[in-house]
Amino acid sequence: MGRNSWMPSPKRGDIYEDPNFLLRWSHWRRLVLALRLGRDQGAALDLGTGRGFLLPYLVTRYHLVFATEIDQRQDGEEFQDWARGKSFLWWAGERVAKELGDEAHSRLLLLYADGAHLPMASGSVDMVFCLDVLEHMPLELRALTISECHRVLRLGGSLIVSMPRETGFSAWLRFLVRGLFMKNGSSNEAHAGYDSLQDLKAIRRVFGQVRPSYSPVPLLWRLNPTLLVKATKK
């Protein structure tokens, strides 16, 4: 385990299968930056793991990895074609087995749970990764989820959150880039209008130390489409 462990890359046919390289690269860059904000030891939680996009990388870095998910269906509809009748958690486990082998499952615990009600003991993990999750949750559950993340973290542990910036100049720039370079010219309607600053304020109310950054190109600061936050429990 450690910094030299396998890191994501925007190769075709992997986690984010969008045919546009720019979009794939942006997704993967977000994962890389989030991983670099973490520390490679102890136990980690991947909250809202989906199909396990992040799990192969977490399992190579942490002695124990928890992964939670609730939806077996997309937006309340029947299973989509890619799912073939299987849940998100099933596909997450399959991804780890395919990439790392069955032995990796000894360090992975898949939990059917939502972020506002984590079935985990207080102070049980060193890192919580909550990537591209809060914007898909109802407003009243987001504050509860942030509090639950704080509860399950050990003292000195950190929460890593990624959130889209769907308001202001960054939202306009995202729309422009999609219109010029991507087949789908609009933002993701599932979280259009989401205001990441609301959740940033909620995180600051709960955690003692908060450090915001931006993705995929940190030097561009607020021009970036994604806000990354590292919040440490004191």
C-alpha atoms as a PDB file:
ATOM      1  CA  MET A   1       0.000   0.000   0.000  1.00  0.00           C
ATOM      2  CA  GLY A   2       1.060   3.662  -0.309  1.00  0.00           C
ATOM      3  CA  ARG A   3       1.439   6.528  -2.714  1.00  0.00           C
ATOM      4  CA  ASN A   4       2.920   4.291  -5.400  1.00  0.00           C
ATOM      5  CA  SER A   5      -0.197   2.112  -5.472  1.00  0.00           C
ATOM      6  CA  TRP A   6      -2.311   1.916  -8.588  1.00  0.00           C
ATOM      7  CA  MET A   7      -3.917   5.258  -9.480  1.00  0.00           C
ATOM      8  CA  PRO A   8      -6.848   6.012 -11.806  1.00  0.00           C
ATOM      9  CA  SER A   9      -6.399   6.896 -15.472  1.00  0.00           C
ATOM     10  CA  PRO A  10      -8.938   8.116 -18.050  1.00  0.00           C
ATOM     11  CA  LYS A  11      -8.651   5.052 -20.267  1.00  0.00           C
ATOM     12  CA  ARG A  12     -11.590   4.129 -22.490  1.00  0.00           C
ATOM     13  CA  GLY A  13     -13.903   1.381 -21.269  1.00  0.00           C
ATOM     14  CA  ASP A  14     -13.146   1.869 -17.596  1.00  0.00           C
ATOM     15  CA  ILE A  15     -15.244   3.440 -14.821  1.00  0.00           C
ATOM     16  CA  TYR A  16     -16.526   6.470 -16.686  1.00  0.00           C
ATOM     17  CA  GLU A  17     -17.283   5.223 -20.164  1.00  0.00           C
ATOM     18  CA  ASP A  18     -18.246   8.504 -21.803  1.00  0.00           C
ATOM     19  CA  PRO A  19     -16.848   8.590 -25.372  1.00  0.00           C
ATOM     20  CA  ASN A  20     -15.588  12.137 -24.834  1.00  0.00           C
ATOM     21  CA  PHE A  21     -12.005  12.059 -23.549  1.00  0.00           C
ATOM     22  CA  LEU A  22     -12.268  15.489 -21.899  1.00  0.00           C
ATOM     23  CA  LEU A  23     -15.189  14.365 -19.754  1.00  0.00           C
ATOM     24  CA  ARG A  24     -13.502  11.049 -18.874  1.00  0.00           C
ATOM     25  CA  TRP A  25     -10.323  12.881 -17.938  1.00  0.00           C
ATOM     26  CA  SER A  26     -12.241  15.335 -15.738  1.00  0.00           C
ATOM     27  CA  HIS A  27     -13.946  12.481 -13.863  1.00  0.00           C
ATOM     28  CA  TRP A  28     -10.709  10.601 -13.333  1.00  0.00           C
ATOM     29  CA  ARG A  29      -8.816  13.721 -12.307  1.00  0.00           C
ATOM     30  CA  ARG A  30     -11.366  14.239  -9.545  1.00  0.00           C
ATOM     31  CA  LEU A  31     -10.735  10.723  -8.238  1.00  0.00           C
ATOM     32  CA  VAL A  32      -6.961  11.205  -8.308  1.00  0.00           C
ATOM     33  CA  LEU A  33      -7.121  14.502  -6.421  1.00  0.00           C
ATOM     34  CA  ALA A  34      -9.505  13.030  -3.841  1.00  0.00           C
ATOM     35  CA  LEU A  35      -7.180  10.079  -3.243  1.00  0.00           C
ATOM     36  CA  ARG A  36      -4.230  12.407  -2.783  1.00  0.00           C
ATOM     37  CA  LEU A  37      -6.131  14.293  -0.084  1.00  0.00           C
ATOM     38  CA  GLY A  38      -6.442  11.065   1.917  1.00  0.00           C
ATOM     39  CA  ARG A  39      -3.891   9.256   4.013  1.00  0.00           C
ATOM     40  CA  ASP A  40      -2.968   5.659   3.264  1.00  0.00           C
ATOM     41  CA  GLN A  41      -3.582   3.828   6.515  1.00  0.00           C
ATOM     42  CA  GLY A  42      -6.260   2.352   8.746  1.00  0.00           C
ATOM     43  CA  ALA A  43      -9.888   2.024   7.637  1.00  0.00           C
ATOM     44  CA  ALA A  44     -11.855   3.972   5.027  1.00  0.00           C
ATOM     45  CA  LEU A  45     -15.515   4.403   4.076  1.00  0.00           C
ATOM     46  CA  ASP A  46     -16.700   4.957   0.513  1.00  0.00           C
ATOM     47  CA  LEU A  47     -20.121   6.521   1.086  1.00  0.00           C
ATOM     48  CA  GLY A  48     -22.447   6.100  -1.884  1.00  0.00           C
ATOM     49  CA  THR A  49     -20.058   3.830  -3.728  1.00  0.00           C
ATOM     50  CA  GLY A  50     -22.342   3.336  -6.762  1.00  0.00           C
ATOM     51  CA  ARG A  51     -20.717   0.682  -8.946  1.00  0.00           C
ATOM     52  CA  GLY A  52     -17.552   0.845  -6.883  1.00  0.00           C
ATOM     53  CA  PHE A  53     -15.747   3.452  -8.983  1.00  0.00           C
ATOM     54  CA  LEU A  54     -13.251   4.196  -6.206  1.00  0.00           C
ATOM     55  CA  LEU A  55     -13.046   0.833  -4.451  1.00  0.00           C
ATOM     56  CA  PRO A  56     -10.078  -0.818  -6.241  1.00  0.00           C
ATOM     57  CA  TYR A  57      -7.918   2.151  -5.311  1.00  0.00           C
ATOM     58  CA  LEU A  58      -9.118   2.291  -1.699  1.00  0.00           C
ATOM     59  CA  VAL A  59      -8.606  -1.448  -1.175  1.00  0.00           C
ATOM     60  CA  THR A  60      -4.955  -1.101  -2.237  1.00  0.00           C
ATOM     61  CA  ARG A  61      -4.453   1.704   0.294  1.00  0.00           C
ATOM     62  CA  TYR A  62      -6.419   0.779   3.417  1.00  0.00           C
ATOM     63  CA  HIS A  63      -6.451  -2.293   5.645  1.00  0.00           C
ATOM     64  CA  LEU A  64     -10.273  -2.271   5.779  1.00  0.00           C
ATOM     65  CA  VAL A  65     -12.760  -0.583   3.432  1.00  0.00           C
ATOM     66  CA  PHE A  66     -16.479  -0.085   4.064  1.00  0.00           C
ATOM     67  CA  ALA A  67     -18.724   0.769   1.101  1.00  0.00           C
ATOM     68  CA  THR A  68     -22.358   1.870   1.379  1.00  0.00           C
ATOM     69  CA  GLU A  69     -25.119   2.210  -1.208  1.00  0.00           C
ATOM     70  CA  ILE A  70     -28.923   2.180  -1.165  1.00  0.00           C
ATOM     71  CA  ASP A  71     -30.292   2.194  -4.713  1.00  0.00           C
ATOM     72  CA  GLN A  72     -30.574  -1.021  -6.641  1.00  0.00           C
ATOM     73  CA  ARG A  73     -32.399   0.934  -9.318  1.00  0.00           C
ATOM     74  CA  GLN A  74     -31.819   4.183 -11.121  1.00  0.00           C
ATOM     75  CA  ASP A  75     -34.131   7.029 -10.098  1.00  0.00           C
ATOM     76  CA  GLY A  76     -36.842   4.640  -8.936  1.00  0.00           C
ATOM     77  CA  GLU A  77     -37.073   2.988 -12.341  1.00  0.00           C
ATOM     78  CA  GLU A  78     -36.451  -0.627 -13.223  1.00  0.00           C
ATOM     79  CA  PHE A  79     -32.879  -1.842 -13.498  1.00  0.00           C
ATOM     80  CA  GLN A  80     -31.150  -0.292 -16.466  1.00  0.00           C
ATOM     81  CA  ASP A  81     -29.679  -2.523 -19.162  1.00  0.00           C
ATOM     82  CA  TRP A  82     -26.130  -2.339 -17.816  1.00  0.00           C
ATOM     83  CA  ALA A  83     -27.243  -3.618 -14.388  1.00  0.00           C
ATOM     84  CA  ARG A  84     -28.635  -6.917 -15.743  1.00  0.00           C
ATOM     85  CA  GLY A  85     -30.803  -7.302 -12.629  1.00  0.00           C
ATOM     86  CA  LYS A  86     -27.934  -6.824 -10.183  1.00  0.00           C
ATOM     87  CA  SER A  87     -27.586  -4.164  -7.468  1.00  0.00           C
ATOM     88  CA  PHE A  88     -24.983  -1.429  -7.310  1.00  0.00           C
ATOM     89  CA  LEU A  89     -23.289  -3.242  -4.411  1.00  0.00           C
ATOM     90  CA  TRP A  90     -23.066  -6.468  -6.425  1.00  0.00           C
ATOM     91  CA  TRP A  91     -21.354  -4.627  -9.261  1.00  0.00           C
ATOM     92  CA  ALA A  92     -19.054  -2.862  -6.786  1.00  0.00           C
ATOM     93  CA  GLY A  93     -17.926  -6.205  -5.385  1.00  0.00           C
ATOM     94  CA  GLU A  94     -17.453  -7.598  -8.880  1.00  0.00           C
ATOM     95  CA  ARG A  95     -15.261  -4.646  -9.807  1.00  0.00           C
ATOM     96  CA  VAL A  96     -12.919  -5.266  -6.878  1.00  0.00           C
ATOM     97  CA  ALA A  97     -12.747  -9.004  -7.596  1.00  0.00           C
ATOM     98  CA  LYS A  98     -12.034  -8.391 -11.283  1.00  0.00           C
ATOM     99  CA  GLU A  99      -9.311  -5.815 -10.705  1.00  0.00           C
ATOM    100  CA  LEU A 100      -7.671  -7.174  -7.549  1.00  0.00           C
ATOM    101  CA  GLY A 101      -8.767 -10.801  -7.133  1.00  0.00           C
ATOM    102  CA  ASP A 102     -10.966 -12.555  -4.588  1.00  0.00           C
ATOM    103  CA  GLU A 103      -8.467 -12.049  -1.761  1.00  0.00           C
ATOM    104  CA  ALA A 104      -9.228  -8.324  -1.793  1.00  0.00           C
ATOM    105  CA  HIS A 105     -12.737  -9.083  -0.488  1.00  0.00           C
ATOM    106  CA  SER A 106     -11.223  -9.883   2.900  1.00  0.00           C
ATOM    107  CA  ARG A 107     -10.568  -6.137   3.251  1.00  0.00           C
ATOM    108  CA  LEU A 108     -13.954  -5.019   1.869  1.00  0.00           C
ATOM    109  CA  LEU A 109     -17.323  -4.818   3.638  1.00  0.00           C
ATOM    110  CA  LEU A 110     -20.351  -3.869   1.501  1.00  0.00           C
ATOM    111  CA  LEU A 111     -23.236  -2.298   3.447  1.00  0.00           C
ATOM    112  CA  TYR A 112     -26.777  -1.589   2.255  1.00  0.00           C
ATOM    113  CA  ALA A 113     -27.293   1.772   4.002  1.00  0.00           C
ATOM    114  CA  ASP A 114     -27.862   5.465   3.373  1.00  0.00           C
ATOM    115  CA  GLY A 115     -25.533   8.218   4.521  1.00  0.00           C
ATOM    116  CA  ALA A 116     -27.935   9.580   7.141  1.00  0.00           C
ATOM    117  CA  HIS A 117     -28.083   6.221   8.976  1.00  0.00           C
ATOM    118  CA  LEU A 118     -24.689   4.514   8.859  1.00  0.00           C
ATOM    119  CA  PRO A 119     -24.657   1.073  10.567  1.00  0.00           C
ATOM    120  CA  MET A 120     -21.150   1.609  11.904  1.00  0.00           C
ATOM    121  CA  ALA A 121     -19.687   2.266  15.323  1.00  0.00           C
ATOM    122  CA  SER A 122     -18.609   5.777  16.254  1.00  0.00           C
ATOM    123  CA  GLY A 123     -14.938   6.417  15.579  1.00  0.00           C
ATOM    124  CA  SER A 124     -14.544   3.326  13.396  1.00  0.00           C
ATOM    125  CA  VAL A 125     -12.782   4.762  10.314  1.00  0.00           C
ATOM    126  CA  ASP A 126      -9.875   7.055   9.517  1.00  0.00           C
ATOM    127  CA  MET A 127     -11.172   8.384   6.183  1.00  0.00           C
ATOM    128  CA  VAL A 128     -14.594   8.950   4.649  1.00  0.00           C
ATOM    129  CA  PHE A 129     -14.861   9.518   0.889  1.00  0.00           C
ATOM    130  CA  CYS A 130     -18.157  11.082  -0.220  1.00  0.00           C
ATOM    131  CA  LEU A 131     -17.659  11.738  -3.929  1.00  0.00           C
ATOM    132  CA  ASP A 132     -20.469  12.988  -6.165  1.00  0.00           C
ATOM    133  CA  VAL A 133     -23.095  12.029  -3.569  1.00  0.00           C
ATOM    134  CA  LEU A 134     -24.520  15.013  -1.677  1.00  0.00           C
ATOM    135  CA  GLU A 135     -25.949  16.683  -4.783  1.00  0.00           C
ATOM    136  CA  HIS A 136     -28.191  13.636  -5.339  1.00  0.00           C
ATOM    137  CA  MET A 137     -29.655  13.731  -1.818  1.00  0.00           C
ATOM    138  CA  PRO A 138     -32.656  15.689  -0.480  1.00  0.00           C
ATOM    139  CA  LEU A 139     -31.625  18.853   1.353  1.00  0.00           C
ATOM    140  CA  GLU A 140     -32.882  17.584   4.731  1.00  0.00           C
ATOM    141  CA  LEU A 141     -30.684  14.467   4.529  1.00  0.00           C
ATOM    142  CA  ARG A 142     -27.458  16.190   3.558  1.00  0.00           C
ATOM    143  CA  ALA A 143     -26.850  17.757   6.998  1.00  0.00           C
ATOM    144  CA  LEU A 144     -27.606  14.410   8.676  1.00  0.00           C
ATOM    145  CA  THR A 145     -25.154  12.673   6.356  1.00  0.00           C
ATOM    146  CA  ILE A 146     -22.401  15.158   7.186  1.00  0.00           C
ATOM    147  CA  SER A 147     -23.044  14.598  10.910  1.00  0.00           C
ATOM    148  CA  GLU A 148     -22.928  10.824  10.440  1.00  0.00           C
ATOM    149  CA  CYS A 149     -19.603  11.130   8.623  1.00  0.00           C
ATOM    150  CA  HIS A 150     -18.266  13.097  11.584  1.00  0.00           C
ATOM    151  CA  ARG A 151     -19.558  10.454  14.029  1.00  0.00           C
ATOM    152  CA  VAL A 152     -17.932   7.437  12.369  1.00  0.00           C
ATOM    153  CA  LEU A 153     -14.566   9.175  11.971  1.00  0.00           C
ATOM    154  CA  ARG A 154     -11.838   8.779  14.565  1.00  0.00           C
ATOM    155  CA  LEU A 155     -10.247  11.903  16.026  1.00  0.00           C
ATOM    156  CA  GLY A 156      -7.822  13.240  13.456  1.00  0.00           C
ATOM    157  CA  GLY A 157      -9.683  11.443  10.660  1.00  0.00           C
ATOM    158  CA  SER A 158     -10.865  13.272   7.549  1.00  0.00           C
ATOM    159  CA  LEU A 159     -13.899  13.530   5.291  1.00  0.00           C
ATOM    160  CA  ILE A 160     -13.198  14.028   1.575  1.00  0.00           C
ATOM    161  CA  VAL A 161     -16.175  15.443  -0.354  1.00  0.00           C
ATOM    162  CA  SER A 162     -16.579  16.347  -4.017  1.00  0.00           C
ATOM    163  CA  MET A 163     -19.461  18.578  -5.112  1.00  0.00           C
ATOM    164  CA  PRO A 164     -20.385  20.075  -8.495  1.00  0.00           C
ATOM    165  CA  ARG A 165     -20.453  23.855  -8.777  1.00  0.00           C
ATOM    166  CA  GLU A 166     -23.783  24.322 -10.545  1.00  0.00           C
ATOM    167  CA  THR A 167     -24.253  28.014  -9.805  1.00  0.00           C
ATOM    168  CA  GLY A 168     -22.429  31.167 -10.836  1.00  0.00           C
ATOM    169  CA  PHE A 169     -19.678  31.549 -13.439  1.00  0.00           C
ATOM    170  CA  SER A 170     -18.441  27.936 -13.186  1.00  0.00           C
ATOM    171  CA  ALA A 171     -21.911  26.662 -14.161  1.00  0.00           C
ATOM    172  CA  TRP A 172     -21.951  28.962 -17.200  1.00  0.00           C
ATOM    173  CA  LEU A 173     -18.446  27.804 -18.178  1.00  0.00           C
ATOM    174  CA  ARG A 174     -19.465  24.157 -17.800  1.00  0.00           C
ATOM    175  CA  PHE A 175     -22.442  24.752 -20.100  1.00  0.00           C
ATOM    176  CA  LEU A 176     -20.195  26.438 -22.667  1.00  0.00           C
ATOM    177  CA  VAL A 177     -17.608  23.643 -22.643  1.00  0.00           C
ATOM    178  CA  ARG A 178     -20.263  20.973 -23.002  1.00  0.00           C
ATOM    179  CA  GLY A 179     -21.828  22.835 -25.892  1.00  0.00           C
ATOM    180  CA  LEU A 180     -18.516  23.163 -27.718  1.00  0.00           C
ATOM    181  CA  PHE A 181     -16.891  19.799 -27.076  1.00  0.00           C
ATOM    182  CA  MET A 182     -19.545  17.313 -25.954  1.00  0.00           C
ATOM    183  CA  LYS A 183     -22.607  15.783 -27.516  1.00  0.00           C
ATOM    184  CA  ASN A 184     -24.738  16.650 -24.505  1.00  0.00           C
ATOM    185  CA  GLY A 185     -24.627  20.410 -24.237  1.00  0.00           C
ATOM    186  CA  SER A 186     -26.406  20.764 -20.888  1.00  0.00           C
ATOM    187  CA  SER A 187     -25.396  20.159 -17.306  1.00  0.00           C
ATOM    188  CA  ASN A 188     -26.534  17.074 -15.455  1.00  0.00           C
ATOM    189  CA  GLU A 189     -30.260  17.655 -14.874  1.00  0.00           C
ATOM    190  CA  ALA A 190     -30.177  15.380 -11.822  1.00  0.00           C
ATOM    191  CA  HIS A 191     -28.450  18.135  -9.838  1.00  0.00           C
ATOM    192  CA  ALA A 192     -28.877  21.294 -11.946  1.00  0.00           C
ATOM    193  CA  GLY A 193     -28.937  24.351  -9.696  1.00  0.00           C
ATOM    194  CA  TYR A 194     -27.287  22.570  -6.782  1.00  0.00           C
ATOM    195  CA  ASP A 195     -25.425  25.044  -4.567  1.00  0.00           C
ATOM    196  CA  SER A 196     -22.268  23.472  -3.154  1.00  0.00           C
ATOM    197  CA  LEU A 197     -21.721  26.453  -0.829  1.00  0.00           C
ATOM    198  CA  GLN A 198     -24.701  25.354   1.285  1.00  0.00           C
ATOM    199  CA  ASP A 199     -23.062  22.018   1.999  1.00  0.00           C
ATOM    200  CA  LEU A 200     -19.670  23.640   2.512  1.00  0.00           C
ATOM    201  CA  LYS A 201     -21.241  25.788   5.253  1.00  0.00           C
ATOM    202  CA  ALA A 202     -22.825  22.681   6.807  1.00  0.00           C
ATOM    203  CA  ILE A 203     -19.457  20.893   6.812  1.00  0.00           C
ATOM    204  CA  ARG A 204     -17.801  23.881   8.478  1.00  0.00           C
ATOM    205  CA  ARG A 205     -20.441  23.879  11.222  1.00  0.00           C
ATOM    206  CA  VAL A 206     -19.672  20.245  12.108  1.00  0.00           C
ATOM    207  CA  PHE A 207     -15.914  19.895  11.534  1.00  0.00           C
ATOM    208  CA  GLY A 208     -13.141  21.773  13.265  1.00  0.00           C
ATOM    209  CA  GLN A 209     -10.853  22.117  10.259  1.00  0.00           C
ATOM    210  CA  VAL A 210     -11.976  22.487   6.623  1.00  0.00           C
ATOM    211  CA  ARG A 211      -9.794  22.927   3.527  1.00  0.00           C
ATOM    212  CA  PRO A 212     -11.505  23.567   0.159  1.00  0.00           C
ATOM    213  CA  SER A 213      -9.817  23.015  -3.212  1.00  0.00           C
ATOM    214  CA  TYR A 214     -10.950  22.645  -6.804  1.00  0.00           C
ATOM    215  CA  SER A 215     -10.928  20.062  -9.607  1.00  0.00           C
ATOM    216  CA  PRO A 216      -9.845  19.141 -12.244  1.00  0.00           C
ATOM    217  CA  VAL A 217      -7.233  21.946 -12.495  1.00  0.00           C
ATOM    218  CA  PRO A 218      -6.623  23.403  -8.995  1.00  0.00           C
ATOM    219  CA  LEU A 219      -4.646  26.371 -10.353  1.00  0.00           C
ATOM    220  CA  LEU A 220      -7.814  27.634 -12.074  1.00  0.00           C
ATOM    221  CA  TRP A 221      -9.453  27.901  -8.641  1.00  0.00           C
ATOM    222  CA  ARG A 222     -13.155  28.861  -8.881  1.00  0.00           C
ATOM    223  CA  LEU A 223     -13.255  28.398 -12.639  1.00  0.00           C
ATOM    224  CA  ASN A 224     -13.280  24.651 -11.979  1.00  0.00           C
ATOM    225  CA  PRO A 225     -16.571  22.721 -12.177  1.00  0.00           C
ATOM    226  CA  THR A 226     -15.969  20.728  -8.970  1.00  0.00           C
ATOM    227  CA  LEU A 227     -15.361  21.748  -5.360  1.00  0.00           C
ATOM    228  CA  LEU A 228     -13.278  19.336  -3.282  1.00  0.00           C
ATOM    229  CA  VAL A 229     -13.327  19.595   0.503  1.00  0.00           C
ATOM    230  CA  LYS A 230     -11.130  17.966   3.118  1.00  0.00           C
ATOM    231  CA  ALA A 231     -12.628  18.281   6.613  1.00  0.00           C
ATOM    232  CA  THR A 232     -10.714  16.943   9.627  1.00  0.00           C
ATOM    233  CA  LYS A 233     -12.321  15.847  12.893  1.00  0.00           C
ATOM    234  CA  LYS A 234     -10.771  17.593  15.898  1.00  0.00           C
END
